[in-house]
Amino acid sequence: MSRTIIVIQGQPPNWVADPPPLAMPPGLGEPPITTDRLTGVTADDLWRPSLRLFPRGRAWPDETVRGIGEFVWHGLARMVAETMAQIHDWLNRARYGAFITQCRPEFVEDHEREHGLPDECLAAVTGLAERRGLVLDAKTPLETANGREILFQLRRAGFTVDFEEPNAFEFGLSEFGGDEGFGSVGLPHIFLYRGADLALDWLAFGENGFGEIGFGELSDTGLTCLIERLRPAHTLGILDLETP
């Protein structure tokens, strides 16, 4: 969250205290993780992009010349960044607050129509609290969502699932590897999902898992569809189907 500094001539700078976090009413699910979202953007995040708003030329050297903040005029861009960060915070607090105060079923239906909910991934979600959570999730930019947010969205949709990111120096998904690494260059970006909702319904033949129509059937109620939708574009979601 951005913080605002007040400077009065002849006095030391005075930092304005951060506003308290938004309180969520009982039954609405996990509170938003604003520090991990675009809603928690800071002035530092916006400072460099704010430089692009100003003219280009010899009199307007950017951060590639000597570094950001090394020129007096960079302070103007910093003021813009501080202001925009505060606006981000205000707008998103208002957005969450407005939805919380208008979360009766008929209002939820309005938001669902706006965002195309429920969709093919979430058709099985029927609880009012879960539907509220999915509407809030729909307003979250996936580009900034981290692993915790992805798990919260899966759990709000009613799925019991977790994931881990395998070690970069691995051979396949085992713990074997050397200093140079045997895995592919994309291995650090694998999300290995596991949980009760990924268990197979085995078609047993004797003591093995071989049956007439395959080795097993995934009891999927939209989970794999939702994982594919939520995962960051640079990651690969792999299902651990051996989870008990």
Protein backbone atom coordinates (compact mmCIF):
# COMPACT_ATOMS: atom_id res chain seq x y z
CA MET A 1 0.00 0.00 0.00
CA SER A 2 1.24 3.50 -0.78
CA ARG A 3 2.03 5.97 1.96
CA THR A 4 1.80 9.75 1.68
CA ILE A 5 4.49 12.11 2.94
CA ILE A 6 3.75 15.70 3.97
CA VAL A 7 6.60 18.19 3.81
CA ILE A 8 6.28 21.58 5.52
CA GLN A 9 9.07 24.05 4.98
CA GLY A 10 11.39 24.13 7.97
CA GLN A 11 10.00 20.92 9.47
CA PRO A 12 11.01 17.26 9.07
CA PRO A 13 8.91 15.10 6.73
CA ASN A 14 5.78 13.64 8.28
CA TRP A 15 4.49 10.26 7.10
CA VAL A 16 0.73 9.89 7.12
CA ALA A 17 -0.33 6.63 8.76
CA ASP A 18 -1.70 3.90 6.54
CA PRO A 19 -5.49 3.50 6.71
CA PRO A 20 -6.69 0.37 8.52
CA PRO A 21 -7.31 -2.73 6.38
CA LEU A 22 -10.79 -3.25 5.00
CA ALA A 23 -12.94 -5.29 7.38
CA MET A 24 -14.79 -8.19 5.80
CA PRO A 25 -18.11 -9.34 7.30
CA PRO A 26 -18.40 -12.93 8.60
CA GLY A 27 -19.27 -15.54 6.01
CA LEU A 28 -17.76 -13.74 3.02
CA GLY A 29 -14.64 -15.90 2.95
CA GLU A 30 -10.98 -14.96 3.02
CA PRO A 31 -10.21 -11.21 3.02
CA PRO A 32 -8.52 -9.82 -0.09
CA ILE A 33 -4.72 -10.08 -0.05
CA THR A 34 -4.24 -6.50 -1.17
CA THR A 35 -0.47 -6.59 -0.78
CA ASP A 36 -0.28 -9.20 -3.55
CA ARG A 37 -2.62 -7.63 -6.05
CA LEU A 38 -2.64 -4.72 -8.39
CA THR A 39 -4.95 -3.21 -5.78
CA GLY A 40 -1.91 -2.98 -3.49
CA VAL A 41 0.29 -1.22 -6.02
CA THR A 42 2.92 1.06 -4.47
CA ALA A 43 4.45 4.33 -5.57
CA ASP A 44 7.68 2.44 -6.23
CA ASP A 45 5.80 0.22 -8.69
CA LEU A 46 4.39 3.24 -10.52
CA TRP A 47 7.43 5.53 -10.44
CA ARG A 48 9.16 4.13 -13.50
CA PRO A 49 5.97 3.97 -15.63
CA SER A 50 5.18 7.56 -14.56
CA LEU A 51 8.39 8.74 -16.20
CA ARG A 52 6.88 7.71 -19.54
CA LEU A 53 4.20 10.40 -19.15
CA PHE A 54 6.76 13.17 -19.55
CA PRO A 55 8.46 14.47 -22.72
CA ARG A 56 11.49 12.70 -24.14
CA GLY A 57 14.73 14.46 -24.96
CA ARG A 58 18.02 15.80 -23.66
CA ALA A 59 16.34 17.97 -21.05
CA TRP A 60 14.29 15.01 -19.80
CA PRO A 61 16.78 12.18 -19.15
CA ASP A 62 15.07 9.01 -17.98
CA GLU A 63 16.32 6.30 -15.61
CA THR A 64 18.41 4.63 -18.34
CA VAL A 65 20.87 7.55 -18.28
CA ARG A 66 21.90 7.45 -14.64
CA GLY A 67 19.21 5.62 -12.67
CA ILE A 68 15.77 6.52 -11.38
CA GLY A 69 15.71 9.41 -8.94
CA GLU A 70 19.11 10.73 -10.06
CA PHE A 71 17.62 13.81 -11.73
CA VAL A 72 15.57 16.55 -10.09
CA TRP A 73 12.71 16.26 -12.55
CA HIS A 74 12.22 12.61 -11.55
CA GLY A 75 10.60 14.02 -8.41
CA LEU A 76 7.66 15.16 -10.55
CA ALA A 77 7.11 11.61 -11.72
CA ARG A 78 7.36 10.45 -8.11
CA MET A 79 4.55 12.83 -7.15
CA VAL A 80 2.40 11.36 -9.91
CA ALA A 81 3.22 7.83 -8.74
CA GLU A 82 2.34 8.64 -5.11
CA THR A 83 -0.99 10.14 -6.18
CA MET A 84 -1.90 7.25 -8.47
CA ALA A 85 -1.02 4.67 -5.80
CA GLN A 86 -3.36 6.42 -3.38
CA ILE A 87 -6.11 6.53 -6.02
CA HIS A 88 -5.65 2.78 -6.61
CA ASP A 89 -6.12 2.19 -2.90
CA TRP A 90 -9.20 4.42 -2.58
CA LEU A 91 -10.92 2.99 -5.66
CA ASN A 92 -10.41 -0.62 -4.68
CA ARG A 93 -11.54 -0.05 -1.11
CA ALA A 94 -14.68 1.58 -2.49
CA ARG A 95 -15.17 -1.31 -4.91
CA TYR A 96 -14.95 -3.97 -2.21
CA GLY A 97 -17.07 -1.91 0.16
CA ALA A 98 -19.78 -1.35 -2.44
CA PHE A 99 -20.01 -5.03 -3.23
CA ILE A 100 -20.13 -6.04 0.43
CA THR A 101 -23.04 -3.68 1.14
CA GLN A 102 -24.96 -4.89 -1.93
CA CYS A 103 -24.35 -8.61 -1.78
CA ARG A 104 -27.94 -9.83 -1.60
CA PRO A 105 -28.65 -12.63 -4.09
CA GLU A 106 -30.24 -10.34 -6.66
CA PHE A 107 -27.18 -8.07 -6.65
CA VAL A 108 -24.85 -11.04 -6.90
CA GLU A 109 -26.79 -12.13 -9.98
CA ASP A 110 -26.19 -8.70 -11.55
CA HIS A 111 -22.43 -9.03 -11.02
CA GLU A 112 -22.49 -12.60 -12.30
CA ARG A 113 -24.13 -11.50 -15.54
CA GLU A 114 -21.53 -8.75 -15.92
CA HIS A 115 -18.63 -11.20 -15.56
CA GLY A 116 -20.16 -14.22 -17.29
CA LEU A 117 -20.62 -16.27 -14.11
CA PRO A 118 -21.21 -19.07 -13.45
CA ASP A 119 -19.17 -20.40 -16.37
CA GLU A 120 -18.22 -23.87 -17.53
CA CYS A 121 -15.58 -24.14 -14.78
CA LEU A 122 -17.80 -23.01 -11.93
CA ALA A 123 -21.25 -24.34 -12.75
CA ALA A 124 -21.21 -26.49 -9.59
CA VAL A 125 -20.75 -23.48 -7.27
CA THR A 126 -24.15 -22.62 -5.80
CA GLY A 127 -23.57 -21.26 -2.26
CA LEU A 128 -24.16 -17.53 -1.83
CA ALA A 129 -20.88 -16.95 0.04
CA GLU A 130 -18.95 -18.86 -2.63
CA ARG A 131 -20.68 -16.90 -5.40
CA ARG A 132 -19.74 -13.61 -3.71
CA GLY A 133 -16.15 -14.75 -3.50
CA LEU A 134 -16.08 -15.72 -7.18
CA VAL A 135 -17.37 -12.29 -8.17
CA LEU A 136 -14.59 -10.66 -6.16
CA ASP A 137 -12.10 -13.05 -7.75
CA ALA A 138 -13.34 -12.05 -11.20
CA LYS A 139 -12.31 -8.48 -10.43
CA THR A 140 -8.75 -9.53 -9.56
CA PRO A 141 -6.16 -9.16 -12.33
CA LEU A 142 -4.52 -12.55 -12.82
CA GLU A 143 -1.25 -10.98 -13.96
CA THR A 144 -0.49 -9.99 -10.38
CA ALA A 145 -2.01 -12.96 -8.57
CA ASN A 146 0.47 -15.05 -6.61
CA GLY A 147 0.26 -18.64 -5.41
CA ARG A 148 -1.68 -17.82 -2.25
CA GLU A 149 -4.35 -15.99 -4.20
CA ILE A 150 -4.72 -18.87 -6.64
CA LEU A 151 -5.26 -21.26 -3.73
CA PHE A 152 -7.78 -18.91 -2.11
CA GLN A 153 -9.75 -18.75 -5.36
CA LEU A 154 -9.74 -22.54 -5.70
CA ARG A 155 -10.85 -22.98 -2.10
CA ARG A 156 -13.56 -20.33 -2.38
CA ALA A 157 -14.88 -22.34 -5.31
CA GLY A 158 -15.16 -25.31 -2.95
CA PHE A 159 -12.07 -27.34 -3.93
CA THR A 160 -9.58 -28.85 -1.48
CA VAL A 161 -6.28 -28.53 -3.30
CA ASP A 162 -2.74 -27.31 -2.79
CA PHE A 163 0.33 -27.01 -4.99
CA GLU A 164 4.08 -26.89 -4.79
CA GLU A 165 6.77 -25.55 -7.09
CA PRO A 166 9.41 -28.23 -7.80
CA ASN A 167 13.09 -27.49 -7.27
CA ALA A 168 14.72 -25.94 -10.33
CA PHE A 169 17.52 -28.53 -10.29
CA GLU A 170 15.51 -31.69 -10.75
CA PHE A 171 15.27 -34.58 -13.14
CA GLY A 172 11.62 -34.81 -14.03
CA LEU A 173 9.75 -34.33 -10.79
CA SER A 174 12.14 -36.33 -8.60
CA GLU A 175 14.72 -35.01 -6.15
CA PHE A 176 17.62 -36.24 -8.32
CA GLY A 177 19.78 -33.67 -10.04
CA GLY A 178 23.23 -32.13 -10.20
CA ASP A 179 24.62 -28.65 -9.98
CA GLU A 180 23.85 -28.01 -13.62
CA GLY A 181 20.32 -29.42 -13.44
CA PHE A 182 18.74 -32.06 -15.63
CA GLY A 183 15.27 -30.60 -15.94
CA SER A 184 13.99 -28.38 -18.74
CA VAL A 185 14.36 -24.61 -18.60
CA GLY A 186 10.65 -24.38 -17.82
CA LEU A 187 10.84 -26.57 -14.73
CA PRO A 188 11.00 -23.65 -12.24
CA HIS A 189 7.59 -22.54 -13.55
CA ILE A 190 5.74 -25.79 -12.88
CA PHE A 191 2.88 -25.79 -10.39
CA LEU A 192 2.34 -29.34 -9.10
CA TYR A 193 -1.26 -29.52 -7.87
CA ARG A 194 -2.36 -32.14 -5.34
CA GLY A 195 -5.33 -32.65 -3.08
CA ALA A 196 -8.39 -34.71 -2.31
CA ASP A 197 -10.25 -33.32 -5.32
CA LEU A 198 -7.61 -34.79 -7.64
CA ALA A 199 -8.05 -38.42 -6.55
CA LEU A 200 -8.77 -41.03 -9.20
CA ASP A 201 -11.70 -43.43 -9.16
CA TRP A 202 -9.74 -46.56 -10.05
CA LEU A 203 -11.21 -49.25 -12.26
CA ALA A 204 -9.57 -52.13 -10.42
CA PHE A 205 -8.73 -55.46 -12.02
CA GLY A 206 -7.35 -57.70 -9.30
CA GLU A 207 -4.82 -55.62 -7.36
CA ASN A 208 -3.76 -53.27 -10.15
CA GLY A 209 -5.44 -50.27 -11.71
CA PHE A 210 -6.10 -51.79 -15.12
CA GLY A 211 -9.66 -51.92 -16.37
CA GLU A 212 -11.62 -52.15 -19.58
CA ILE A 213 -11.98 -48.41 -20.16
CA GLY A 214 -8.66 -47.19 -18.83
CA PHE A 215 -6.60 -46.95 -15.66
CA GLY A 216 -8.78 -44.52 -13.81
CA GLU A 217 -11.23 -41.67 -14.07
CA LEU A 218 -10.66 -38.22 -12.57
CA SER A 219 -13.61 -37.05 -10.52
CA ASP A 220 -13.48 -33.57 -12.02
CA THR A 221 -16.22 -31.05 -11.22
CA GLY A 222 -14.52 -28.09 -12.89
CA LEU A 223 -11.25 -28.10 -10.95
CA THR A 224 -8.93 -28.73 -13.88
CA CYS A 225 -10.78 -26.13 -15.92
CA LEU A 226 -10.40 -23.59 -13.10
CA ILE A 227 -6.69 -24.38 -12.60
CA GLU A 228 -6.05 -23.80 -16.27
CA ARG A 229 -7.85 -20.48 -16.11
CA LEU A 230 -6.17 -19.19 -12.95
CA ARG A 231 -2.59 -20.29 -13.49
CA PRO A 232 -0.19 -17.52 -14.56
CA ALA A 233 0.60 -17.60 -18.27
CA HIS A 234 4.27 -18.47 -17.66
CA THR A 235 3.45 -21.54 -15.56
CA LEU A 236 2.47 -25.11 -16.36
CA GLY A 237 -0.08 -26.82 -14.15
CA ILE A 238 0.55 -30.53 -13.53
CA LEU A 239 -1.90 -32.68 -11.58
CA ASP A 240 -0.56 -35.10 -8.97
CA LEU A 241 -3.16 -37.83 -9.42
CA GLU A 242 -1.54 -40.14 -6.86
CA THR A 243 -2.77 -37.97 -4.00
CA PRO A 244 -4.71 -40.17 -1.58
